[in-house]
């Protein structure tokens, strides 16, 4: 139902959310920090209408987008014809192992429990030392969402605990680089959280 719901709302989502960070300076700051840490190709996983992909490109990264919803991808290609967008499932990415310099997962896990976030798949496609930026709703609850962006939808929204999220990423082979949590904005249902992670280099710490 997630894919169908986003197909329905895609055009209005693009119209209502045109900007990458919606004027929120802390969100913008952590995107800039990620961009400065990252080299090589970057995948915006769960890219939606491509607003984050575009911003990553503007920050100097070789960014492309991946999304499950064909409707959202149609909007991304229309709005950002100079960038590449492909259809894909984040739990089974059509990418070779160790090929990405970076990945962004910007609120694209909000419709799954924290335990189901595919950290091992994110880890697989990143190069050793590559960075991942993860944005999520902070808390420990889930709520049904039946109306969004002017349309009836059938979604469940999950808030994730910071410590559980960081622990799950660490178990999958990531190191935590930085974390940020901020108070909710006027149009948000709760506080928001951001993690910057790096894929552990298996050669780190070996004798030279």
C-alpha atoms as a PDB file:
ATOM      1  CA  UNK A   1       0.000   0.000   0.000  1.00  0.00           C
ATOM      2  CA  UNK A   2       2.957   2.354   0.466  1.00  0.00           C
ATOM      3  CA  UNK A   3       3.735   2.393  -3.236  1.00  0.00           C
ATOM      4  CA  UNK A   4       0.096   2.932  -4.250  1.00  0.00           C
ATOM      5  CA  UNK A   5      -0.392   5.741  -1.730  1.00  0.00           C
ATOM      6  CA  UNK A   6       2.640   7.650  -2.984  1.00  0.00           C
ATOM      7  CA  UNK A   7       1.602   7.152  -6.588  1.00  0.00           C
ATOM      8  CA  UNK A   8      -1.685   8.893  -5.677  1.00  0.00           C
ATOM      9  CA  UNK A   9      -0.172  11.877  -3.844  1.00  0.00           C
ATOM     10  CA  UNK A  10       2.896  12.411  -6.065  1.00  0.00           C
ATOM     11  CA  UNK A  11       1.814  15.533  -7.966  1.00  0.00           C
ATOM     12  CA  UNK A  12       0.537  17.332  -4.870  1.00  0.00           C
ATOM     13  CA  UNK A  13       3.557  16.224  -2.828  1.00  0.00           C
ATOM     14  CA  UNK A  14       5.794  17.856  -5.441  1.00  0.00           C
ATOM     15  CA  UNK A  15       3.740  21.035  -5.305  1.00  0.00           C
ATOM     16  CA  UNK A  16       3.513  21.247  -1.500  1.00  0.00           C
ATOM     17  CA  UNK A  17       7.105  20.217  -0.683  1.00  0.00           C
ATOM     18  CA  UNK A  18       9.339  21.839  -3.296  1.00  0.00           C
ATOM     19  CA  UNK A  19      12.397  22.526  -1.102  1.00  0.00           C
ATOM     20  CA  UNK A  20      15.026  20.137   0.185  1.00  0.00           C
ATOM     21  CA  UNK A  21      15.054  21.202   3.820  1.00  0.00           C
ATOM     22  CA  UNK A  22      11.917  23.374   4.064  1.00  0.00           C
ATOM     23  CA  UNK A  23      13.869  26.328   5.436  1.00  0.00           C
ATOM     24  CA  UNK A  24      15.071  24.401   8.507  1.00  0.00           C
ATOM     25  CA  UNK A  25      18.684  25.425   9.193  1.00  0.00           C
ATOM     26  CA  UNK A  26      19.690  22.359  11.198  1.00  0.00           C
ATOM     27  CA  UNK A  27      18.463  20.029   8.464  1.00  0.00           C
ATOM     28  CA  UNK A  28      20.391  22.062   5.904  1.00  0.00           C
ATOM     29  CA  UNK A  29      23.512  22.019   8.069  1.00  0.00           C
ATOM     30  CA  UNK A  30      23.660  18.253   8.404  1.00  0.00           C
ATOM     31  CA  UNK A  31      23.170  17.876   4.650  1.00  0.00           C
ATOM     32  CA  UNK A  32      26.118  20.201   4.070  1.00  0.00           C
ATOM     33  CA  UNK A  33      28.250  18.267   6.561  1.00  0.00           C
ATOM     34  CA  UNK A  34      27.394  14.996   4.818  1.00  0.00           C
ATOM     35  CA  UNK A  35      28.337  16.525   1.464  1.00  0.00           C
ATOM     36  CA  UNK A  36      31.718  17.639   2.797  1.00  0.00           C
ATOM     37  CA  UNK A  37      32.422  14.154   4.164  1.00  0.00           C
ATOM     38  CA  UNK A  38      31.433  12.310   0.998  1.00  0.00           C
ATOM     39  CA  UNK A  39      33.169  11.574  -2.306  1.00  0.00           C
ATOM     40  CA  UNK A  40      32.056   9.385  -5.179  1.00  0.00           C
ATOM     41  CA  UNK A  41      28.559   8.542  -6.343  1.00  0.00           C
ATOM     42  CA  UNK A  42      25.691   9.075  -3.902  1.00  0.00           C
ATOM     43  CA  UNK A  43      22.277   7.409  -3.952  1.00  0.00           C
ATOM     44  CA  UNK A  44      19.230   9.172  -2.530  1.00  0.00           C
ATOM     45  CA  UNK A  45      17.348   6.055  -1.406  1.00  0.00           C
ATOM     46  CA  UNK A  46      13.629   6.706  -1.254  1.00  0.00           C
ATOM     47  CA  UNK A  47      14.105   9.902  -3.231  1.00  0.00           C
ATOM     48  CA  UNK A  48      10.435  10.714  -3.801  1.00  0.00           C
ATOM     49  CA  UNK A  49      10.131  13.740  -6.068  1.00  0.00           C
ATOM     50  CA  UNK A  50      13.905  14.239  -6.119  1.00  0.00           C
ATOM     51  CA  UNK A  51      14.103  17.375  -3.987  1.00  0.00           C
ATOM     52  CA  UNK A  52      16.910  15.955  -1.828  1.00  0.00           C
ATOM     53  CA  UNK A  53      18.673  14.483  -4.879  1.00  0.00           C
ATOM     54  CA  UNK A  54      18.678  17.919  -6.486  1.00  0.00           C
ATOM     55  CA  UNK A  55      20.053  19.547  -3.350  1.00  0.00           C
ATOM     56  CA  UNK A  56      22.831  16.974  -3.069  1.00  0.00           C
ATOM     57  CA  UNK A  57      23.726  17.728  -6.691  1.00  0.00           C
ATOM     58  CA  UNK A  58      23.769  21.452  -5.880  1.00  0.00           C
ATOM     59  CA  UNK A  59      26.141  20.683  -3.003  1.00  0.00           C
ATOM     60  CA  UNK A  60      28.570  19.193  -5.518  1.00  0.00           C
ATOM     61  CA  UNK A  61      27.793  15.487  -5.233  1.00  0.00           C
ATOM     62  CA  UNK A  62      27.303  12.988  -8.054  1.00  0.00           C
ATOM     63  CA  UNK A  63      23.768  12.183  -6.889  1.00  0.00           C
ATOM     64  CA  UNK A  64      21.038   9.978  -8.316  1.00  0.00           C
ATOM     65  CA  UNK A  65      17.700   8.861  -6.899  1.00  0.00           C
ATOM     66  CA  UNK A  66      15.943   5.560  -6.253  1.00  0.00           C
ATOM     67  CA  UNK A  67      12.284   5.196  -5.308  1.00  0.00           C
ATOM     68  CA  UNK A  68       9.594   2.528  -5.148  1.00  0.00           C
ATOM     69  CA  UNK A  69       6.810   4.762  -6.501  1.00  0.00           C
ATOM     70  CA  UNK A  70       6.554   5.289 -10.243  1.00  0.00           C
ATOM     71  CA  UNK A  71       4.350   8.318  -9.616  1.00  0.00           C
ATOM     72  CA  UNK A  72       7.011   9.988  -7.502  1.00  0.00           C
ATOM     73  CA  UNK A  73       9.675   9.124 -10.064  1.00  0.00           C
ATOM     74  CA  UNK A  74       7.592  10.705 -12.828  1.00  0.00           C
ATOM     75  CA  UNK A  75       7.599  13.943 -10.825  1.00  0.00           C
ATOM     76  CA  UNK A  76      11.346  13.670 -10.106  1.00  0.00           C
ATOM     77  CA  UNK A  77      12.178  13.236 -13.794  1.00  0.00           C
ATOM     78  CA  UNK A  78       9.879  16.090 -14.795  1.00  0.00           C
ATOM     79  CA  UNK A  79      11.303  18.494 -12.219  1.00  0.00           C
ATOM     80  CA  UNK A  80      14.967  17.470 -12.485  1.00  0.00           C
ATOM     81  CA  UNK A  81      15.588  16.186 -16.028  1.00  0.00           C
ATOM     82  CA  UNK A  82      19.341  16.605 -15.643  1.00  0.00           C
ATOM     83  CA  UNK A  83      19.478  13.922 -12.925  1.00  0.00           C
ATOM     84  CA  UNK A  84      19.025  10.137 -13.015  1.00  0.00           C
ATOM     85  CA  UNK A  85      16.158   8.432 -11.196  1.00  0.00           C
ATOM     86  CA  UNK A  86      15.430   4.701 -11.150  1.00  0.00           C
ATOM     87  CA  UNK A  87      12.703   2.507  -9.715  1.00  0.00           C
ATOM     88  CA  UNK A  88      13.818   0.235  -6.909  1.00  0.00           C
ATOM     89  CA  UNK A  89      13.141  -1.317  -3.521  1.00  0.00           C
ATOM     90  CA  UNK A  90      15.461  -0.274  -0.696  1.00  0.00           C
ATOM     91  CA  UNK A  91      15.363  -3.778   0.739  1.00  0.00           C
ATOM     92  CA  UNK A  92      16.786  -5.211  -2.524  1.00  0.00           C
ATOM     93  CA  UNK A  93      18.806  -2.489  -4.210  1.00  0.00           C
ATOM     94  CA  UNK A  94      19.839  -3.120  -7.798  1.00  0.00           C
ATOM     95  CA  UNK A  95      23.388  -1.961  -7.097  1.00  0.00           C
ATOM     96  CA  UNK A  96      26.678  -3.790  -6.955  1.00  0.00           C
ATOM     97  CA  UNK A  97      28.357  -4.155  -3.582  1.00  0.00           C
ATOM     98  CA  UNK A  98      30.863  -1.493  -2.504  1.00  0.00           C
ATOM     99  CA  UNK A  99      29.967   0.945  -5.291  1.00  0.00           C
ATOM    100  CA  UNK A 100      28.599   4.038  -3.515  1.00  0.00           C
ATOM    101  CA  UNK A 101      30.615   6.749  -1.856  1.00  0.00           C
ATOM    102  CA  UNK A 102      27.516   7.831   0.032  1.00  0.00           C
ATOM    103  CA  UNK A 103      23.824   7.220   0.585  1.00  0.00           C
ATOM    104  CA  UNK A 104      21.013   9.371   1.935  1.00  0.00           C
ATOM    105  CA  UNK A 105      17.942   7.818   3.548  1.00  0.00           C
ATOM    106  CA  UNK A 106      15.861  10.937   4.209  1.00  0.00           C
ATOM    107  CA  UNK A 107      12.660   9.979   6.046  1.00  0.00           C
ATOM    108  CA  UNK A 108      12.214   7.065   3.666  1.00  0.00           C
ATOM    109  CA  UNK A 109      11.998   4.467   6.472  1.00  0.00           C
ATOM    110  CA  UNK A 110       9.036   6.123   8.218  1.00  0.00           C
ATOM    111  CA  UNK A 111       6.639   3.427   7.017  1.00  0.00           C
ATOM    112  CA  UNK A 112       8.520   0.513   8.576  1.00  0.00           C
ATOM    113  CA  UNK A 113       9.361  -0.473  12.160  1.00  0.00           C
ATOM    114  CA  UNK A 114      12.886   0.339  13.289  1.00  0.00           C
ATOM    115  CA  UNK A 115      13.751  -3.372  13.352  1.00  0.00           C
ATOM    116  CA  UNK A 116      12.903  -3.676   9.635  1.00  0.00           C
ATOM    117  CA  UNK A 117      15.190  -0.904   8.349  1.00  0.00           C
ATOM    118  CA  UNK A 118      17.505  -2.682   5.848  1.00  0.00           C
ATOM    119  CA  UNK A 119      20.812  -1.617   7.351  1.00  0.00           C
ATOM    120  CA  UNK A 120      22.647  -4.621   5.897  1.00  0.00           C
ATOM    121  CA  UNK A 121      21.532  -3.631   2.384  1.00  0.00           C
ATOM    122  CA  UNK A 122      22.685  -0.033   2.882  1.00  0.00           C
ATOM    123  CA  UNK A 123      25.972  -1.409   4.197  1.00  0.00           C
ATOM    124  CA  UNK A 124      26.377  -3.754   1.223  1.00  0.00           C
ATOM    125  CA  UNK A 125      26.210  -1.042  -1.447  1.00  0.00           C
ATOM    126  CA  UNK A 126      28.527   1.456   0.285  1.00  0.00           C
ATOM    127  CA  UNK A 127      32.282   1.426  -0.119  1.00  0.00           C
ATOM    128  CA  UNK A 128      34.333   0.969   3.042  1.00  0.00           C
ATOM    129  CA  UNK A 129      34.602   4.424   4.575  1.00  0.00           C
ATOM    130  CA  UNK A 130      31.503   5.627   2.707  1.00  0.00           C
ATOM    131  CA  UNK A 131      28.975   7.725   4.567  1.00  0.00           C
ATOM    132  CA  UNK A 132      25.242   7.415   5.097  1.00  0.00           C
ATOM    133  CA  UNK A 133      22.895  10.190   6.241  1.00  0.00           C
ATOM    134  CA  UNK A 134      19.684   8.949   7.840  1.00  0.00           C
ATOM    135  CA  UNK A 135      16.775  11.237   8.801  1.00  0.00           C
ATOM    136  CA  UNK A 136      13.843   9.912  10.812  1.00  0.00           C
ATOM    137  CA  UNK A 137      11.022  10.821  13.184  1.00  0.00           C
ATOM    138  CA  UNK A 138      12.243  10.528  16.763  1.00  0.00           C
ATOM    139  CA  UNK A 139      10.231   8.558  19.294  1.00  0.00           C
ATOM    140  CA  UNK A 140       8.645   5.195  19.926  1.00  0.00           C
ATOM    141  CA  UNK A 141       5.179   5.062  18.422  1.00  0.00           C
ATOM    142  CA  UNK A 142       3.248   4.328  15.261  1.00  0.00           C
ATOM    143  CA  UNK A 143       0.119   5.925  13.866  1.00  0.00           C
ATOM    144  CA  UNK A 144      -2.159   5.258  10.910  1.00  0.00           C
ATOM    145  CA  UNK A 145      -2.175   7.927   8.205  1.00  0.00           C
ATOM    146  CA  UNK A 146      -5.384   7.981   6.178  1.00  0.00           C
ATOM    147  CA  UNK A 147      -5.222  11.434   4.569  1.00  0.00           C
ATOM    148  CA  UNK A 148      -2.174  13.282   3.246  1.00  0.00           C
ATOM    149  CA  UNK A 149      -1.381  15.925   0.629  1.00  0.00           C
ATOM    150  CA  UNK A 150      -5.069  16.244  -0.243  1.00  0.00           C
ATOM    151  CA  UNK A 151      -5.726  12.529  -0.833  1.00  0.00           C
ATOM    152  CA  UNK A 152      -6.960   9.435   0.965  1.00  0.00           C
ATOM    153  CA  UNK A 153      -4.017   7.116   1.683  1.00  0.00           C
ATOM    154  CA  UNK A 154      -3.380   3.887   3.544  1.00  0.00           C
ATOM    155  CA  UNK A 155      -0.120   4.286   5.440  1.00  0.00           C
ATOM    156  CA  UNK A 156       1.375   3.711   8.869  1.00  0.00           C
ATOM    157  CA  UNK A 157       3.916   6.218  10.184  1.00  0.00           C
ATOM    158  CA  UNK A 158       6.622   4.982  12.552  1.00  0.00           C
ATOM    159  CA  UNK A 159       8.747   7.008  14.952  1.00  0.00           C
ATOM    160  CA  UNK A 160      12.123   5.405  15.742  1.00  0.00           C
ATOM    161  CA  UNK A 161      14.169   5.480  18.926  1.00  0.00           C
ATOM    162  CA  UNK A 162      17.625   7.023  18.576  1.00  0.00           C
ATOM    163  CA  UNK A 163      19.500   4.413  20.601  1.00  0.00           C
ATOM    164  CA  UNK A 164      17.773   1.491  18.886  1.00  0.00           C
ATOM    165  CA  UNK A 165      18.437   2.997  15.467  1.00  0.00           C
ATOM    166  CA  UNK A 166      22.115   3.628  16.205  1.00  0.00           C
ATOM    167  CA  UNK A 167      22.515   0.142  17.676  1.00  0.00           C
ATOM    168  CA  UNK A 168      20.918  -1.515  14.636  1.00  0.00           C
ATOM    169  CA  UNK A 169      23.206   0.419  12.300  1.00  0.00           C
ATOM    170  CA  UNK A 170      26.267  -0.500  14.367  1.00  0.00           C
ATOM    171  CA  UNK A 171      25.340  -4.190  14.304  1.00  0.00           C
ATOM    172  CA  UNK A 172      25.156  -4.009  10.509  1.00  0.00           C
ATOM    173  CA  UNK A 173      28.727  -2.713  10.261  1.00  0.00           C
ATOM    174  CA  UNK A 174      28.475   1.071  10.569  1.00  0.00           C
ATOM    175  CA  UNK A 175      30.298   3.474  12.854  1.00  0.00           C
ATOM    176  CA  UNK A 176      28.410   6.456  14.201  1.00  0.00           C
ATOM    177  CA  UNK A 177      29.988   9.726  13.083  1.00  0.00           C
ATOM    178  CA  UNK A 178      27.444  12.215  14.450  1.00  0.00           C
ATOM    179  CA  UNK A 179      23.882  12.510  15.644  1.00  0.00           C
ATOM    180  CA  UNK A 180      21.452  15.397  15.837  1.00  0.00           C
ATOM    181  CA  UNK A 181      17.982  15.700  17.265  1.00  0.00           C
ATOM    182  CA  UNK A 182      15.833  18.794  17.167  1.00  0.00           C
ATOM    183  CA  UNK A 183      12.469  19.964  18.430  1.00  0.00           C
ATOM    184  CA  UNK A 184       9.473  19.559  16.173  1.00  0.00           C
ATOM    185  CA  UNK A 185       8.577  22.256  13.691  1.00  0.00           C
ATOM    186  CA  UNK A 186       5.133  23.813  13.631  1.00  0.00           C
ATOM    187  CA  UNK A 187       4.004  21.356  10.945  1.00  0.00           C
ATOM    188  CA  UNK A 188       5.593  18.253  12.495  1.00  0.00           C
ATOM    189  CA  UNK A 189       4.111  15.740  14.899  1.00  0.00           C
ATOM    190  CA  UNK A 190       7.195  15.362  17.068  1.00  0.00           C
ATOM    191  CA  UNK A 191      10.976  15.792  17.331  1.00  0.00           C
ATOM    192  CA  UNK A 192      13.220  14.790  14.430  1.00  0.00           C
ATOM    193  CA  UNK A 193      16.537  12.953  14.338  1.00  0.00           C
ATOM    194  CA  UNK A 194      19.536  12.582  12.054  1.00  0.00           C
ATOM    195  CA  UNK A 195      22.440  10.139  12.049  1.00  0.00           C
ATOM    196  CA  UNK A 196      25.631  10.335  10.021  1.00  0.00           C
ATOM    197  CA  UNK A 197      27.259   6.921   9.757  1.00  0.00           C
ATOM    198  CA  UNK A 198      30.307   5.465   8.027  1.00  0.00           C
ATOM    199  CA  UNK A 199      30.833   1.944   6.744  1.00  0.00           C
ATOM    200  CA  UNK A 200      33.555   0.272   8.747  1.00  0.00           C
ATOM    201  CA  UNK A 201      36.754  -0.320   6.815  1.00  0.00           C
ATOM    202  CA  UNK A 202      37.771  -3.959   7.371  1.00  0.00           C
ATOM    203  CA  UNK A 203      41.423  -2.920   7.081  1.00  0.00           C
ATOM    204  CA  UNK A 204      41.171  -0.213   9.740  1.00  0.00           C
ATOM    205  CA  UNK A 205      43.552  -0.782  12.543  1.00  0.00           C
ATOM    206  CA  UNK A 206      45.697  -3.328  10.691  1.00  0.00           C
ATOM    207  CA  UNK A 207      49.441  -3.015  10.826  1.00  0.00           C
ATOM    208  CA  UNK A 208      51.042  -1.157   7.933  1.00  0.00           C
END
